[in-house]
Amino acid sequence: IAEVSIQLGDFLRRGDLVARLDDEVLRDSLLIATAAKDSVANRQIAEIELQMREKQLQSYKKLLEAGDLTAREFQNHQEQADQSRARLAARLEEMNLRRLEHQRVETQLRKRRIFSPISGFVVDVSKQEGEFVSPTDPVVVRIVDVSKLRVVFSIPWKMADRIRVGEKVAIAVGQEEVRKTGRVDSIIPLVEPGSGSKQIVVIVENSFNDLCSGLPCRWLGDQTEPEEVEARMTEQSRPKSNASKR
């Protein structure tokens, strides 16, 4: 790691720079590739040579028509002009290869930079400047998206059978029991033998980040059921119902 651009608790948007890996060798390679890409001297020499050969060929053609030049001599001059065209084409191909090499180095250089794949908060910084990143230990930072929170309730199966995916339900969040509306995202089609309950996954919108993951939640549903079911909020991407949001 050459540079870490973030700190614990920072909010990042998708595409923000997180860290930069050591890229000194690639930056030197990019300077060389840029100089080679921008070099036009060989192309200009080939263009001038071709222009000169074509002008000479026009003069030799007039001499041929006037009978002052043999067909064999004219053919030799024509072959020289063809060789000049081939040299110019080779120079143009060489310039295109240099341009592609420049793009390759730029791509490699971009891959030495780590960008946030999502918008969210930095909850863990695993690597600091100077530390080594390996394929077996590639994690540099952990970023979580709390714009949608996930709650998994275990409720009696008879109650669960009356609920449908997409249905809006009421829940109470935190010790203050703040009322929120969630949307049923999925219903696990299994009944736990010990408790006779099913798991209901509810998604709660949190675009203003006013809720924290890990808070206790209570199922209110349509508020006519006598059962009180508790759960905890987690980030939407986490599969465990009791995992604390960080």
Protein backbone atom coordinates (compact mmCIF):
# COMPACT_ATOMS: atom_id res chain seq x y z
CA ILE A 1 0.00 0.00 0.00
CA ALA A 2 1.45 3.36 -1.06
CA GLU A 3 -1.40 5.55 0.19
CA VAL A 4 -4.67 5.17 2.12
CA SER A 5 -7.06 7.99 1.23
CA ILE A 6 -9.84 7.33 3.75
CA GLN A 7 -10.40 7.13 7.46
CA LEU A 8 -12.67 5.10 9.70
CA GLY A 9 -16.20 6.51 9.60
CA ASP A 10 -15.82 8.34 6.27
CA PHE A 11 -18.79 8.29 3.90
CA LEU A 12 -17.78 7.29 0.38
CA ARG A 13 -19.65 7.48 -2.86
CA ARG A 14 -19.29 4.83 -5.52
CA GLY A 15 -16.05 5.42 -7.44
CA ASP A 16 -14.27 7.39 -4.68
CA LEU A 17 -10.57 6.60 -4.26
CA VAL A 18 -9.92 4.34 -1.28
CA ALA A 19 -6.23 3.48 -1.55
CA ARG A 20 -3.33 3.35 -3.99
CA LEU A 21 -0.95 0.44 -4.40
CA ASP A 22 2.74 0.97 -5.13
CA ASP A 23 2.89 2.16 -8.75
CA GLU A 24 6.31 3.79 -9.06
CA VAL A 25 7.54 1.39 -11.77
CA LEU A 26 4.32 1.77 -13.76
CA ARG A 27 4.48 5.57 -13.57
CA ASP A 28 7.99 5.45 -15.06
CA SER A 29 6.71 3.07 -17.74
CA LEU A 30 3.88 5.48 -18.51
CA LEU A 31 6.37 8.34 -19.07
CA ILE A 32 8.28 6.20 -21.55
CA ALA A 33 5.09 5.04 -23.28
CA THR A 34 3.83 8.63 -23.51
CA ALA A 35 7.07 9.83 -25.09
CA ALA A 36 6.99 6.96 -27.59
CA LYS A 37 3.32 7.60 -28.42
CA ASP A 38 3.89 11.31 -29.03
CA SER A 39 7.00 10.79 -31.18
CA VAL A 40 6.23 11.71 -34.81
CA ALA A 41 9.70 12.14 -36.32
CA ASN A 42 9.83 8.75 -38.05
CA ARG A 43 6.37 9.25 -39.53
CA GLN A 44 7.27 12.72 -40.82
CA ILE A 45 10.47 11.38 -42.43
CA ALA A 46 8.48 8.63 -44.15
CA GLU A 47 5.85 11.13 -45.36
CA ILE A 48 8.50 13.49 -46.79
CA GLU A 49 10.26 10.58 -48.49
CA LEU A 50 7.02 9.38 -50.08
CA GLN A 51 6.14 12.89 -51.31
CA MET A 52 9.58 13.19 -52.89
CA ARG A 53 9.31 9.76 -54.56
CA GLU A 54 5.85 10.53 -55.95
CA LYS A 55 7.03 13.83 -57.43
CA GLN A 56 10.03 12.11 -58.98
CA LEU A 57 7.77 9.41 -60.36
CA GLN A 58 5.62 12.01 -62.10
CA SER A 59 8.74 13.48 -63.71
CA TYR A 60 9.98 10.05 -64.77
CA LYS A 61 6.57 9.29 -66.25
CA LYS A 62 6.86 12.34 -68.52
CA LEU A 63 10.36 11.24 -69.56
CA LEU A 64 9.00 7.77 -70.32
CA GLU A 65 6.27 9.23 -72.49
CA ALA A 66 8.83 11.39 -74.28
CA GLY A 67 11.03 8.38 -74.94
CA ASP A 68 13.90 9.67 -72.78
CA LEU A 69 13.55 6.88 -70.21
CA THR A 70 13.31 3.12 -70.65
CA ALA A 71 10.43 1.12 -69.23
CA ARG A 72 12.87 -0.78 -67.02
CA GLU A 73 14.22 2.43 -65.47
CA PHE A 74 10.69 3.72 -64.87
CA GLN A 75 9.75 0.44 -63.19
CA ASN A 76 12.71 0.77 -60.82
CA HIS A 77 11.58 4.25 -59.79
CA GLN A 78 8.01 3.00 -59.34
CA GLU A 79 9.25 0.23 -57.05
CA GLN A 80 11.13 2.79 -54.98
CA ALA A 81 7.89 4.79 -54.54
CA ASP A 82 6.06 1.61 -53.51
CA GLN A 83 8.75 0.92 -50.91
CA SER A 84 8.29 4.46 -49.54
CA ARG A 85 4.55 3.85 -49.20
CA ALA A 86 5.24 0.60 -47.34
CA ARG A 87 7.67 2.36 -45.00
CA LEU A 88 5.05 5.02 -44.20
CA ALA A 89 2.45 2.32 -43.52
CA ALA A 90 4.93 0.58 -41.20
CA ARG A 91 5.53 3.83 -39.31
CA LEU A 92 1.77 4.34 -38.91
CA GLU A 93 1.35 0.78 -37.62
CA GLU A 94 4.23 1.35 -35.21
CA MET A 95 2.55 4.51 -33.90
CA ASN A 96 -0.70 2.59 -33.39
CA LEU A 97 1.15 -0.09 -31.42
CA ARG A 98 2.73 2.62 -29.27
CA ARG A 99 -0.71 4.11 -28.63
CA LEU A 100 -2.02 0.68 -27.57
CA GLU A 101 1.00 0.18 -25.32
CA HIS A 102 0.29 3.55 -23.72
CA GLN A 103 -3.33 2.47 -23.09
CA ARG A 104 -2.14 -0.83 -21.58
CA VAL A 105 0.15 0.95 -19.10
CA GLU A 106 -2.65 3.39 -18.20
CA THR A 107 -4.97 0.44 -17.54
CA GLN A 108 -2.36 -1.24 -15.37
CA LEU A 109 -1.88 2.02 -13.49
CA ARG A 110 -5.63 2.35 -12.86
CA LYS A 111 -5.66 -1.20 -11.50
CA ARG A 112 -3.18 -0.07 -8.86
CA ARG A 113 -5.88 2.19 -7.45
CA ILE A 114 -8.71 0.87 -5.29
CA PHE A 115 -12.07 2.57 -5.71
CA SER A 116 -15.20 2.12 -3.63
CA PRO A 117 -17.63 -0.21 -5.45
CA ILE A 118 -20.61 1.13 -3.46
CA SER A 119 -21.76 4.19 -1.56
CA GLY A 120 -21.45 3.68 2.16
CA PHE A 121 -19.51 4.16 5.37
CA VAL A 122 -15.99 2.93 6.11
CA VAL A 123 -16.31 0.59 9.09
CA ASP A 124 -12.91 -1.10 9.03
CA VAL A 125 -9.48 -0.24 7.64
CA SER A 126 -7.50 -3.46 7.45
CA LYS A 127 -4.34 -2.19 5.75
CA GLN A 128 -2.19 0.88 6.29
CA GLU A 129 0.51 2.55 4.20
CA GLY A 130 3.49 0.23 3.72
CA GLU A 131 1.60 -2.99 4.39
CA PHE A 132 1.53 -5.82 1.85
CA VAL A 133 -1.63 -6.94 0.02
CA SER A 134 -1.61 -10.56 -1.14
CA PRO A 135 -4.11 -12.76 -3.02
CA THR A 136 -4.70 -14.68 0.22
CA ASP A 137 -5.31 -11.48 2.22
CA PRO A 138 -6.75 -8.95 -0.25
CA VAL A 139 -9.05 -6.97 2.05
CA VAL A 140 -7.99 -3.33 2.46
CA VAL A 141 -11.14 -1.70 3.84
CA ARG A 142 -14.71 -2.67 4.63
CA ILE A 143 -17.52 -0.42 3.42
CA VAL A 144 -21.18 -0.95 4.25
CA ASP A 145 -24.26 0.49 2.59
CA VAL A 146 -26.94 1.42 5.16
CA SER A 147 -29.37 2.99 2.71
CA LYS A 148 -31.52 -0.13 3.04
CA LEU A 149 -31.59 -2.12 6.28
CA ARG A 150 -32.60 -5.74 6.60
CA VAL A 151 -34.58 -7.23 9.46
CA VAL A 152 -35.31 -10.94 9.85
CA PHE A 153 -38.25 -11.78 12.09
CA SER A 154 -39.22 -15.24 13.29
CA ILE A 155 -43.01 -15.20 13.63
CA PRO A 156 -45.58 -17.96 14.18
CA TRP A 157 -46.22 -19.85 10.98
CA LYS A 158 -49.99 -19.20 11.09
CA MET A 159 -49.34 -15.48 11.14
CA ALA A 160 -46.64 -15.82 8.45
CA ASP A 161 -49.03 -17.63 6.10
CA ARG A 162 -51.21 -14.50 5.98
CA ILE A 163 -48.31 -12.29 4.87
CA ARG A 164 -47.36 -11.75 1.23
CA VAL A 165 -44.09 -10.65 -0.37
CA GLY A 166 -44.21 -6.93 -1.17
CA GLU A 167 -46.65 -6.20 1.62
CA LYS A 168 -45.93 -3.18 3.84
CA VAL A 169 -45.64 -3.85 7.56
CA ALA A 170 -45.12 -1.69 10.65
CA ILE A 171 -42.14 -2.19 12.95
CA ALA A 172 -40.80 -0.44 16.04
CA VAL A 173 -37.07 0.35 16.01
CA GLY A 174 -34.75 0.85 18.98
CA GLN A 175 -35.40 1.39 22.65
CA GLU A 176 -37.49 4.46 21.77
CA GLU A 177 -39.58 2.23 19.48
CA VAL A 178 -39.54 4.62 16.53
CA ARG A 179 -42.30 3.56 14.15
CA LYS A 180 -41.13 2.65 10.65
CA THR A 181 -42.72 1.02 7.64
CA GLY A 182 -40.92 -1.86 6.00
CA ARG A 183 -41.54 -4.01 2.94
CA VAL A 184 -41.63 -7.79 3.07
CA ASP A 185 -38.77 -8.89 0.85
CA SER A 186 -39.00 -12.65 1.24
CA ILE A 187 -40.59 -15.40 3.30
CA ILE A 188 -38.45 -18.43 4.10
CA PRO A 189 -40.62 -21.49 3.29
CA LEU A 190 -39.47 -23.50 6.31
CA VAL A 191 -41.05 -23.92 9.72
CA GLU A 192 -38.63 -24.22 12.65
CA PRO A 193 -39.68 -27.40 14.48
CA GLY A 194 -38.83 -26.12 17.95
CA SER A 195 -40.69 -22.83 17.77
CA GLY A 196 -43.21 -23.39 14.99
CA SER A 197 -42.14 -20.12 13.36
CA LYS A 198 -41.15 -18.90 9.91
CA GLN A 199 -38.56 -16.29 9.03
CA ILE A 200 -39.80 -13.09 7.38
CA VAL A 201 -37.24 -10.77 5.77
CA VAL A 202 -38.24 -7.10 5.89
CA ILE A 203 -36.41 -4.25 4.12
CA VAL A 204 -36.53 -0.77 5.67
CA GLU A 205 -35.56 2.27 3.60
CA ASN A 206 -32.85 4.34 5.30
CA SER A 207 -31.80 6.84 2.64
CA PHE A 208 -31.19 9.57 5.25
CA ASN A 209 -29.04 7.23 7.39
CA ASP A 210 -31.09 8.04 10.47
CA LEU A 211 -31.16 4.39 11.57
CA CYS A 212 -28.21 2.30 12.71
CA SER A 213 -27.80 -1.36 11.98
CA GLY A 214 -27.83 -3.58 15.04
CA LEU A 215 -30.79 -1.83 16.66
CA PRO A 216 -33.47 -4.08 18.18
CA CYS A 217 -36.74 -4.19 16.24
CA ARG A 218 -40.25 -5.29 17.19
CA TRP A 219 -42.83 -6.59 14.75
CA LEU A 220 -46.07 -4.61 14.77
CA GLY A 221 -47.57 -5.90 11.55
CA ASP A 222 -51.14 -4.72 11.28
CA GLN A 223 -51.06 -4.12 15.07
CA THR A 224 -53.94 -6.58 15.68
CA GLU A 225 -51.80 -9.59 16.49
CA PRO A 226 -51.09 -10.19 20.19
CA GLU A 227 -47.62 -11.67 19.59
CA GLU A 228 -44.58 -9.48 20.07
CA VAL A 229 -41.72 -10.55 17.82
CA GLU A 230 -38.26 -9.06 18.16
CA ALA A 231 -35.28 -8.94 15.79
CA ARG A 232 -32.30 -6.78 14.95
CA MET A 233 -31.50 -4.64 11.93
CA THR A 234 -28.60 -5.52 9.67
CA GLU A 235 -27.36 -4.18 6.37
CA GLN A 236 -29.37 -5.60 3.47
CA SER A 237 -26.49 -7.61 2.01
CA ARG A 238 -25.78 -9.56 5.22
CA PRO A 239 -27.53 -12.92 5.50
CA LYS A 240 -27.62 -13.20 9.33
CA SER A 241 -30.62 -11.72 11.14
CA ASN A 242 -28.78 -10.93 14.38
CA ALA A 243 -25.57 -9.50 12.90
CA SER A 244 -24.91 -5.95 14.05
CA LYS A 245 -24.67 -3.29 11.38
CA ARG A 246 -21.32 -1.58 11.27
